[in-house]
Amino acid sequence: MFTPEIISLVAIGVSALMLIWLIVIAKRFQDIQTRYRKMLHGANVANIEQLLMNNHENYNKLVKYKTQVEKELAALTAKVEGCTQKIAVKRYNPFEDVGGDLSYSVALLDDHNSGVVLSSIYSRHESRSYAKSVTDGKSEYRLSTEEQQAIEEASRSLTQPSLPGLTD
């Protein structure tokens, strides 16, 4: 049935298959070793466990830093709301005998449409300046048409949009 020659041939065939399998496994092991070395390259650690622990520590530091930056951003945003952000200038000629639009009204408003409207009225004989406070887009003083137009134009000015994803 099984002669020694057949058994020898089967043994040689199995040995050849095992040798091929061993070569494939050795190549895969070499690839894994290469990737492992690349991953640890420049990390100043001896093993992957230490690398993962270092990465976890760095992640925790980044989370704390992000929280700190978000608090600072919120504080700055609150401060900026009270700063002049919306500006409009309305030039006009209030008198027919004066050439050019030498008079003007300037509205300087914050995020809540509060601030001041400054006006300068120029005539041939004199120039007058006025400053009127503005709260929520309205003034307790009587406003000229040009002053009201400057306030309305400034109120329509777009403020900077908030940056998405910073508080996620």
N, C-alpha and C. Protein backbone atom coordinates (compact mmCIF):
# COMPACT_ATOMS: atom_id res chain seq x y z
N MET A 1 0.80 -1.17 0.00
CA MET A 1 0.00 0.00 0.00
C MET A 1 0.86 1.26 0.00
N PHE A 2 1.40 1.63 1.15
CA PHE A 2 2.30 2.78 1.18
C PHE A 2 3.72 2.27 1.18
N THR A 3 4.35 2.55 0.14
CA THR A 3 5.74 2.13 0.03
C THR A 3 6.61 3.23 0.63
N PRO A 4 7.83 2.89 0.97
CA PRO A 4 8.72 3.89 1.55
C PRO A 4 8.95 5.07 0.60
N GLU A 5 8.92 4.85 -0.68
CA GLU A 5 9.11 5.95 -1.63
C GLU A 5 7.94 6.94 -1.56
N ILE A 6 6.72 6.42 -1.46
CA ILE A 6 5.53 7.28 -1.39
C ILE A 6 5.55 8.07 -0.08
N ILE A 7 5.89 7.40 1.01
CA ILE A 7 5.95 8.07 2.31
C ILE A 7 7.01 9.16 2.27
N SER A 8 8.14 8.90 1.64
CA SER A 8 9.22 9.88 1.51
C SER A 8 8.75 11.07 0.68
N LEU A 9 8.05 10.80 -0.43
CA LEU A 9 7.57 11.88 -1.27
C LEU A 9 6.54 12.74 -0.52
N VAL A 10 5.65 12.11 0.22
CA VAL A 10 4.66 12.85 1.01
C VAL A 10 5.37 13.68 2.08
N ALA A 11 6.36 13.10 2.73
CA ALA A 11 7.11 13.82 3.76
C ALA A 11 7.84 15.02 3.15
N ILE A 12 8.42 14.85 1.96
CA ILE A 12 9.11 15.95 1.29
C ILE A 12 8.08 17.04 0.90
N GLY A 13 6.93 16.63 0.42
CA GLY A 13 5.89 17.60 0.04
C GLY A 13 5.39 18.39 1.25
N VAL A 14 5.14 17.67 2.35
CA VAL A 14 4.68 18.35 3.58
C VAL A 14 5.78 19.28 4.09
N SER A 15 7.01 18.84 4.04
CA SER A 15 8.14 19.67 4.46
C SER A 15 8.24 20.92 3.59
N ALA A 16 8.05 20.77 2.27
CA ALA A 16 8.11 21.92 1.37
C ALA A 16 6.98 22.90 1.68
N LEU A 17 5.77 22.37 1.92
CA LEU A 17 4.65 23.24 2.28
C LEU A 17 4.92 23.96 3.60
N MET A 18 5.48 23.25 4.57
CA MET A 18 5.80 23.87 5.86
C MET A 18 6.89 24.93 5.70
N LEU A 19 7.86 24.68 4.81
CA LEU A 19 8.92 25.65 4.55
C LEU A 19 8.34 26.91 3.91
N ILE A 20 7.42 26.74 2.96
CA ILE A 20 6.77 27.90 2.33
C ILE A 20 5.95 28.66 3.37
N TRP A 21 5.23 27.93 4.17
CA TRP A 21 4.42 28.55 5.23
C TRP A 21 5.31 29.30 6.21
N LEU A 22 6.44 28.74 6.58
CA LEU A 22 7.40 29.37 7.48
C LEU A 22 7.96 30.66 6.87
N ILE A 23 8.23 30.63 5.56
CA ILE A 23 8.74 31.83 4.87
C ILE A 23 7.69 32.94 4.88
N VAL A 24 6.42 32.58 4.62
CA VAL A 24 5.33 33.56 4.63
C VAL A 24 5.18 34.16 6.03
N ILE A 25 5.20 33.32 7.04
CA ILE A 25 5.07 33.79 8.43
C ILE A 25 6.26 34.68 8.80
N ALA A 26 7.46 34.30 8.39
CA ALA A 26 8.65 35.10 8.69
C ALA A 26 8.54 36.47 8.02
N LYS A 27 8.04 36.52 6.79
CA LYS A 27 7.87 37.79 6.08
C LYS A 27 6.85 38.68 6.79
N ARG A 28 5.73 38.08 7.21
CA ARG A 28 4.71 38.84 7.94
C ARG A 28 5.27 39.37 9.26
N PHE A 29 6.03 38.53 9.95
CA PHE A 29 6.64 38.95 11.21
C PHE A 29 7.61 40.10 10.99
N GLN A 30 8.36 40.02 9.92
CA GLN A 30 9.30 41.09 9.59
C GLN A 30 8.54 42.41 9.29
N ASP A 31 7.42 42.32 8.58
CA ASP A 31 6.61 43.50 8.30
C ASP A 31 6.06 44.11 9.59
N ILE A 32 5.60 43.26 10.48
CA ILE A 32 5.07 43.74 11.76
C ILE A 32 6.18 44.41 12.57
N GLN A 33 7.36 43.78 12.57
CA GLN A 33 8.50 44.37 13.29
C GLN A 33 8.86 45.74 12.71
N THR A 34 8.83 45.86 11.41
CA THR A 34 9.15 47.14 10.76
C THR A 34 8.14 48.21 11.15
N ARG A 35 6.86 47.86 11.12
CA ARG A 35 5.82 48.82 11.53
C ARG A 35 5.95 49.18 13.01
N TYR A 36 6.29 48.22 13.84
CA TYR A 36 6.47 48.46 15.27
C TYR A 36 7.63 49.44 15.50
N ARG A 37 8.73 49.23 14.79
CA ARG A 37 9.88 50.12 14.93
C ARG A 37 9.54 51.53 14.45
N LYS A 38 8.79 51.63 13.34
CA LYS A 38 8.39 52.93 12.84
C LYS A 38 7.51 53.65 13.86
N MET A 39 6.60 52.90 14.47
CA MET A 39 5.70 53.48 15.45
C MET A 39 6.46 53.99 16.67
N LEU A 40 7.48 53.28 17.08
CA LEU A 40 8.26 53.67 18.26
C LEU A 40 9.40 54.63 17.92
N HIS A 41 9.66 54.83 16.64
CA HIS A 41 10.77 55.69 16.21
C HIS A 41 10.63 57.10 16.77
N GLY A 42 11.64 57.56 17.46
CA GLY A 42 11.65 58.91 18.01
C GLY A 42 10.80 59.08 19.25
N ALA A 43 10.24 58.01 19.77
CA ALA A 43 9.35 58.12 20.93
C ALA A 43 10.10 58.01 22.25
N ASN A 44 11.37 57.63 22.23
CA ASN A 44 12.17 57.46 23.44
C ASN A 44 11.51 56.53 24.45
N VAL A 45 10.89 55.49 23.95
CA VAL A 45 10.29 54.47 24.81
C VAL A 45 10.74 53.10 24.35
N ALA A 46 10.69 52.16 25.26
CA ALA A 46 11.18 50.82 24.95
C ALA A 46 10.09 49.92 24.39
N ASN A 47 8.82 50.20 24.71
CA ASN A 47 7.76 49.31 24.24
C ASN A 47 6.48 50.08 23.95
N ILE A 48 5.55 49.41 23.34
CA ILE A 48 4.30 50.04 22.93
C ILE A 48 3.45 50.44 24.14
N GLU A 49 3.56 49.72 25.22
CA GLU A 49 2.80 50.07 26.42
C GLU A 49 3.19 51.45 26.92
N GLN A 50 4.49 51.71 26.97
CA GLN A 50 4.97 53.02 27.39
C GLN A 50 4.51 54.12 26.42
N LEU A 51 4.54 53.81 25.12
CA LEU A 51 4.09 54.77 24.11
C LEU A 51 2.62 55.11 24.33
N LEU A 52 1.79 54.10 24.57
CA LEU A 52 0.37 54.33 24.80
C LEU A 52 0.13 55.14 26.07
N MET A 53 0.89 54.87 27.10
CA MET A 53 0.75 55.63 28.35
C MET A 53 1.14 57.10 28.12
N ASN A 54 2.23 57.32 27.37
CA ASN A 54 2.64 58.70 27.05
C ASN A 54 1.57 59.42 26.23
N ASN A 55 1.00 58.71 25.26
CA ASN A 55 -0.06 59.31 24.45
C ASN A 55 -1.28 59.66 25.29
N HIS A 56 -1.61 58.80 26.24
CA HIS A 56 -2.75 59.06 27.12
C HIS A 56 -2.49 60.29 27.99
N GLU A 57 -1.28 60.42 28.53
CA GLU A 57 -0.92 61.60 29.31
C GLU A 57 -1.01 62.86 28.46
N ASN A 58 -0.49 62.79 27.24
CA ASN A 58 -0.54 63.95 26.34
C ASN A 58 -1.99 64.31 26.01
N TYR A 59 -2.82 63.32 25.81
CA TYR A 59 -4.24 63.56 25.54
C TYR A 59 -4.89 64.29 26.72
N ASN A 60 -4.61 63.83 27.94
CA ASN A 60 -5.19 64.49 29.12
C ASN A 60 -4.72 65.93 29.24
N LYS A 61 -3.45 66.19 28.91
CA LYS A 61 -2.94 67.56 28.94
C LYS A 61 -3.66 68.41 27.90
N LEU A 62 -3.89 67.85 26.72
CA LEU A 62 -4.59 68.60 25.67
C LEU A 62 -6.03 68.91 26.07
N VAL A 63 -6.69 67.98 26.73
CA VAL A 63 -8.06 68.22 27.17
C VAL A 63 -8.09 69.36 28.19
N LYS A 64 -7.14 69.37 29.13
CA LYS A 64 -7.07 70.47 30.12
C LYS A 64 -6.77 71.79 29.43
N TYR A 65 -5.86 71.76 28.46
CA TYR A 65 -5.51 72.98 27.74
C TYR A 65 -6.70 73.50 26.94
N LYS A 66 -7.45 72.59 26.31
CA LYS A 66 -8.64 72.98 25.54
C LYS A 66 -9.66 73.63 26.46
N THR A 67 -9.86 73.08 27.65
CA THR A 67 -10.79 73.65 28.61
C THR A 67 -10.36 75.06 29.01
N GLN A 68 -9.07 75.22 29.25
CA GLN A 68 -8.54 76.54 29.61
C GLN A 68 -8.74 77.54 28.47
N VAL A 69 -8.46 77.12 27.26
CA VAL A 69 -8.62 78.00 26.09
C VAL A 69 -10.10 78.37 25.92
N GLU A 70 -11.00 77.44 26.12
CA GLU A 70 -12.43 77.74 26.00
C GLU A 70 -12.87 78.76 27.03
N LYS A 71 -12.36 78.67 28.29
CA LYS A 71 -12.69 79.65 29.32
C LYS A 71 -12.17 81.02 28.93
N GLU A 72 -10.94 81.07 28.45
CA GLU A 72 -10.35 82.35 28.03
C GLU A 72 -11.12 82.93 26.85
N LEU A 73 -11.53 82.09 25.92
CA LEU A 73 -12.30 82.55 24.77
C LEU A 73 -13.64 83.12 25.22
N ALA A 74 -14.29 82.46 26.17
CA ALA A 74 -15.58 82.96 26.68
C ALA A 74 -15.39 84.32 27.35
N ALA A 75 -14.30 84.48 28.12
CA ALA A 75 -14.04 85.76 28.77
C ALA A 75 -13.77 86.85 27.74
N LEU A 76 -13.00 86.53 26.71
CA LEU A 76 -12.71 87.52 25.66
C LEU A 76 -13.96 87.87 24.87
N THR A 77 -14.80 86.88 24.62
CA THR A 77 -16.05 87.12 23.90
C THR A 77 -16.93 88.08 24.69
N ALA A 78 -16.99 87.88 26.00
CA ALA A 78 -17.80 88.77 26.84
C ALA A 78 -17.24 90.19 26.81
N LYS A 79 -15.92 90.32 26.80
CA LYS A 79 -15.31 91.66 26.73
C LYS A 79 -15.57 92.32 25.38
N VAL A 80 -15.51 91.53 24.32
CA VAL A 80 -15.67 92.07 22.98
C VAL A 80 -17.10 92.58 22.76
N GLU A 81 -18.07 92.00 23.42
CA GLU A 81 -19.46 92.44 23.25
C GLU A 81 -19.61 93.91 23.59
N GLY A 82 -18.81 94.41 24.53
CA GLY A 82 -18.90 95.80 24.93
C GLY A 82 -18.00 96.73 24.12
N CYS A 83 -17.26 96.19 23.18
CA CYS A 83 -16.36 97.00 22.35
C CYS A 83 -17.08 97.50 21.10
N THR A 84 -16.57 98.58 20.55
CA THR A 84 -17.13 99.11 19.31
C THR A 84 -16.92 98.09 18.20
N GLN A 85 -18.01 97.65 17.60
CA GLN A 85 -17.94 96.65 16.55
C GLN A 85 -18.65 97.10 15.28
N LYS A 86 -19.60 97.99 15.43
CA LYS A 86 -20.42 98.41 14.30
C LYS A 86 -20.23 99.90 14.08
N ILE A 87 -19.81 100.24 12.88
CA ILE A 87 -19.51 101.64 12.57
C ILE A 87 -20.18 101.99 11.25
N ALA A 88 -20.77 103.18 11.23
CA ALA A 88 -21.36 103.68 9.98
C ALA A 88 -21.14 105.18 9.91
N VAL A 89 -20.88 105.67 8.71
CA VAL A 89 -20.68 107.10 8.48
C VAL A 89 -21.71 107.57 7.46
N LYS A 90 -22.38 108.64 7.79
CA LYS A 90 -23.36 109.25 6.88
C LYS A 90 -22.90 110.67 6.61
N ARG A 91 -22.49 110.94 5.37
CA ARG A 91 -22.07 112.30 4.96
C ARG A 91 -23.26 113.00 4.31
N TYR A 92 -23.36 114.31 4.54
CA TYR A 92 -24.49 115.05 3.99
C TYR A 92 -24.19 116.54 3.94
N ASN A 93 -25.06 117.25 3.25
CA ASN A 93 -24.95 118.71 3.12
C ASN A 93 -26.22 119.31 3.72
N PRO A 94 -26.17 119.87 4.95
CA PRO A 94 -27.39 120.37 5.58
C PRO A 94 -27.82 121.75 5.07
N PHE A 95 -26.92 122.46 4.39
CA PHE A 95 -27.22 123.81 3.93
C PHE A 95 -27.04 123.90 2.42
N GLU A 96 -27.94 124.57 1.76
CA GLU A 96 -27.88 124.67 0.31
C GLU A 96 -26.76 125.57 -0.17
N ASP A 97 -26.31 126.52 0.65
CA ASP A 97 -25.30 127.47 0.21
C ASP A 97 -23.87 126.98 0.41
N VAL A 98 -23.71 125.76 0.93
CA VAL A 98 -22.38 125.18 1.14
C VAL A 98 -22.22 124.01 0.18
N GLY A 99 -21.15 124.02 -0.60
CA GLY A 99 -20.95 122.95 -1.57
C GLY A 99 -20.33 121.72 -0.93
N GLY A 100 -20.67 120.55 -1.41
CA GLY A 100 -20.08 119.29 -0.95
C GLY A 100 -20.73 118.76 0.32
N ASP A 101 -20.51 117.49 0.56
CA ASP A 101 -21.02 116.84 1.77
C ASP A 101 -19.96 116.94 2.86
N LEU A 102 -19.83 118.12 3.46
CA LEU A 102 -18.79 118.35 4.46
C LEU A 102 -19.26 118.06 5.88
N SER A 103 -20.52 117.82 6.07
CA SER A 103 -21.06 117.44 7.38
C SER A 103 -21.18 115.93 7.44
N TYR A 104 -21.15 115.40 8.67
CA TYR A 104 -21.24 113.94 8.78
C TYR A 104 -21.78 113.54 10.14
N SER A 105 -22.28 112.33 10.20
CA SER A 105 -22.68 111.67 11.43
C SER A 105 -22.04 110.29 11.44
N VAL A 106 -21.40 109.94 12.55
CA VAL A 106 -20.72 108.66 12.69
C VAL A 106 -21.35 107.91 13.87
N ALA A 107 -21.84 106.72 13.63
CA ALA A 107 -22.39 105.88 14.69
C ALA A 107 -21.34 104.84 15.07
N LEU A 108 -21.02 104.77 16.35
CA LEU A 108 -20.06 103.79 16.89
C LEU A 108 -20.81 102.95 17.92
N LEU A 109 -21.12 101.70 17.56
CA LEU A 109 -21.97 100.86 18.40
C LEU A 109 -21.29 99.56 18.77
N ASP A 110 -21.71 99.00 19.92
CA ASP A 110 -21.21 97.69 20.34
C ASP A 110 -22.15 96.60 19.85
N ASP A 111 -21.97 95.40 20.35
CA ASP A 111 -22.77 94.25 19.91
C ASP A 111 -24.25 94.40 20.28
N HIS A 112 -24.54 95.24 21.28
CA HIS A 112 -25.93 95.44 21.72
C HIS A 112 -26.51 96.74 21.15
N ASN A 113 -25.88 97.27 20.11
CA ASN A 113 -26.31 98.51 19.46
C ASN A 113 -26.33 99.69 20.42
N SER A 114 -25.39 99.71 21.34
CA SER A 114 -25.23 100.83 22.26
C SER A 114 -23.88 101.47 22.00
N GLY A 115 -23.82 102.77 22.20
CA GLY A 115 -22.57 103.48 21.98
C GLY A 115 -22.81 104.96 21.86
N VAL A 116 -22.34 105.57 20.77
CA VAL A 116 -22.43 107.01 20.59
C VAL A 116 -22.58 107.33 19.11
N VAL A 117 -23.25 108.43 18.83
CA VAL A 117 -23.30 108.96 17.47
C VAL A 117 -22.67 110.35 17.54
N LEU A 118 -21.66 110.57 16.71
CA LEU A 118 -20.95 111.84 16.65
C LEU A 118 -21.35 112.55 15.37
N SER A 119 -21.64 113.82 15.48
CA SER A 119 -22.05 114.59 14.30
C SER A 119 -21.25 115.88 14.24
N SER A 120 -20.92 116.26 13.04
CA SER A 120 -20.27 117.53 12.79
C SER A 120 -21.03 118.21 11.66
N ILE A 121 -21.51 119.42 11.95
CA ILE A 121 -22.27 120.18 10.95
C ILE A 121 -21.42 121.37 10.53
N TYR A 122 -21.12 121.41 9.25
CA TYR A 122 -20.26 122.44 8.69
C TYR A 122 -21.09 123.48 7.95
N SER A 123 -20.82 124.75 8.23
CA SER A 123 -21.42 125.83 7.46
C SER A 123 -20.31 126.80 7.08
N ARG A 124 -20.63 127.82 6.31
CA ARG A 124 -19.60 128.77 5.87
C ARG A 124 -18.99 129.53 7.05
N HIS A 125 -19.74 129.78 8.08
CA HIS A 125 -19.29 130.64 9.17
C HIS A 125 -18.86 129.87 10.42
N GLU A 126 -19.28 128.66 10.56
CA GLU A 126 -18.92 127.90 11.76
C GLU A 126 -19.09 126.40 11.51
N SER A 127 -18.55 125.66 12.47
CA SER A 127 -18.69 124.20 12.44
C SER A 127 -19.07 123.77 13.86
N ARG A 128 -20.06 122.92 13.97
CA ARG A 128 -20.52 122.46 15.28
C ARG A 128 -20.42 120.95 15.36
N SER A 129 -20.07 120.49 16.55
CA SER A 129 -19.94 119.04 16.79
C SER A 129 -20.91 118.64 17.90
N TYR A 130 -21.46 117.44 17.76
CA TYR A 130 -22.41 116.91 18.73
C TYR A 130 -22.06 115.46 19.01
N ALA A 131 -22.25 115.06 20.26
CA ALA A 131 -22.09 113.66 20.65
C ALA A 131 -23.35 113.26 21.42
N LYS A 132 -23.98 112.19 20.99
CA LYS A 132 -25.22 111.75 21.63
C LYS A 132 -25.09 110.26 21.95
N SER A 133 -25.43 109.90 23.17
CA SER A 133 -25.34 108.50 23.58
C SER A 133 -26.46 107.70 22.92
N VAL A 134 -26.17 106.42 22.72
CA VAL A 134 -27.12 105.51 22.09
C VAL A 134 -27.20 104.25 22.95
N THR A 135 -28.42 103.82 23.27
CA THR A 135 -28.63 102.59 24.04
C THR A 135 -29.66 101.75 23.30
N ASP A 136 -29.28 100.54 22.96
CA ASP A 136 -30.16 99.63 22.22
C ASP A 136 -30.70 100.27 20.94
N GLY A 137 -29.85 101.03 20.25
CA GLY A 137 -30.23 101.62 18.97
C GLY A 137 -31.06 102.88 19.08
N LYS A 138 -31.29 103.38 20.31
CA LYS A 138 -32.09 104.58 20.52
C LYS A 138 -31.31 105.56 21.39
N SER A 139 -31.66 106.85 21.24
CA SER A 139 -31.00 107.87 22.04
C SER A 139 -32.04 108.64 22.84
N GLU A 140 -31.64 109.10 24.00
CA GLU A 140 -32.55 109.93 24.80
C GLU A 140 -32.60 111.36 24.25
N TYR A 141 -31.68 111.68 23.34
CA TYR A 141 -31.66 112.99 22.71
C TYR A 141 -32.36 112.93 21.35
N ARG A 142 -32.84 114.08 20.92
CA ARG A 142 -33.47 114.17 19.61
C ARG A 142 -32.40 113.95 18.55
N LEU A 143 -32.68 113.04 17.62
CA LEU A 143 -31.71 112.70 16.57
C LEU A 143 -32.15 113.30 15.25
N SER A 144 -31.17 113.75 14.49
CA SER A 144 -31.46 114.22 13.13
C SER A 144 -31.71 112.99 12.25
N THR A 145 -32.22 113.22 11.08
CA THR A 145 -32.47 112.13 10.13
C THR A 145 -31.17 111.40 9.80
N GLU A 146 -30.10 112.18 9.59
CA GLU A 146 -28.80 111.59 9.23
C GLU A 146 -28.22 110.77 10.39
N GLU A 147 -28.39 111.27 11.61
CA GLU A 147 -27.90 110.52 12.78
C GLU A 147 -28.66 109.20 12.90
N GLN A 148 -29.98 109.26 12.71
CA GLN A 148 -30.79 108.04 12.79
C GLN A 148 -30.39 107.06 11.69
N GLN A 149 -30.11 107.58 10.49
CA GLN A 149 -29.68 106.71 9.38
C GLN A 149 -28.34 106.07 9.69
N ALA A 150 -27.42 106.81 10.28
CA ALA A 150 -26.11 106.25 10.64
C ALA A 150 -26.27 105.14 11.68
N ILE A 151 -27.13 105.36 12.67
CA ILE A 151 -27.37 104.34 13.71
C ILE A 151 -28.00 103.09 13.09
N GLU A 152 -28.99 103.28 12.22
CA GLU A 152 -29.64 102.13 11.59
C GLU A 152 -28.68 101.35 10.71
N GLU A 153 -27.83 102.08 9.96
CA GLU A 153 -26.86 101.40 9.11
C GLU A 153 -25.84 100.62 9.94
N ALA A 154 -25.37 101.23 11.03
CA ALA A 154 -24.42 100.53 11.90
C ALA A 154 -25.08 99.32 12.56
N SER A 155 -26.33 99.45 12.96
CA SER A 155 -27.05 98.33 13.60
C SER A 155 -27.18 97.13 12.68
N ARG A 156 -27.27 97.40 11.38
CA ARG A 156 -27.40 96.31 10.40
C ARG A 156 -26.06 95.66 10.08
N SER A 157 -24.97 96.29 10.53
CA SER A 157 -23.64 95.72 10.26
C SER A 157 -23.55 94.35 10.88
N LEU A 158 -22.91 93.47 10.17
CA LEU A 158 -22.75 92.10 10.68
C LEU A 158 -21.59 92.06 11.65
N THR A 159 -21.77 91.33 12.73
CA THR A 159 -20.67 91.09 13.66
C THR A 159 -20.00 89.79 13.26
N GLN A 160 -18.82 89.55 13.80
CA GLN A 160 -18.07 88.33 13.49
C GLN A 160 -18.86 87.12 13.98
N PRO A 161 -19.02 86.11 13.13
CA PRO A 161 -19.72 84.89 13.58
C PRO A 161 -18.83 84.12 14.55
N SER A 162 -19.47 83.39 15.45
CA SER A 162 -18.70 82.56 16.36
C SER A 162 -18.11 81.38 15.59
N LEU A 163 -17.03 80.84 16.11
CA LEU A 163 -16.36 79.74 15.43
C LEU A 163 -17.00 78.42 15.84
N PRO A 164 -17.49 77.64 14.89
CA PRO A 164 -18.18 76.39 15.23
C PRO A 164 -17.20 75.35 15.76
N GLY A 165 -17.69 74.54 16.67
CA GLY A 165 -16.91 73.40 17.12
C GLY A 165 -15.96 73.67 18.27
N LEU A 166 -15.83 74.92 18.71
CA LEU A 166 -14.88 75.20 19.77
C LEU A 166 -15.40 74.78 21.14
N THR A 167 -16.68 74.74 21.32
CA THR A 167 -17.21 74.37 22.63
C THR A 167 -17.77 72.96 22.64
N ASP A 168 -17.49 72.19 21.62
CA ASP A 168 -17.98 70.80 21.56
C ASP A 168 -17.19 69.94 22.50
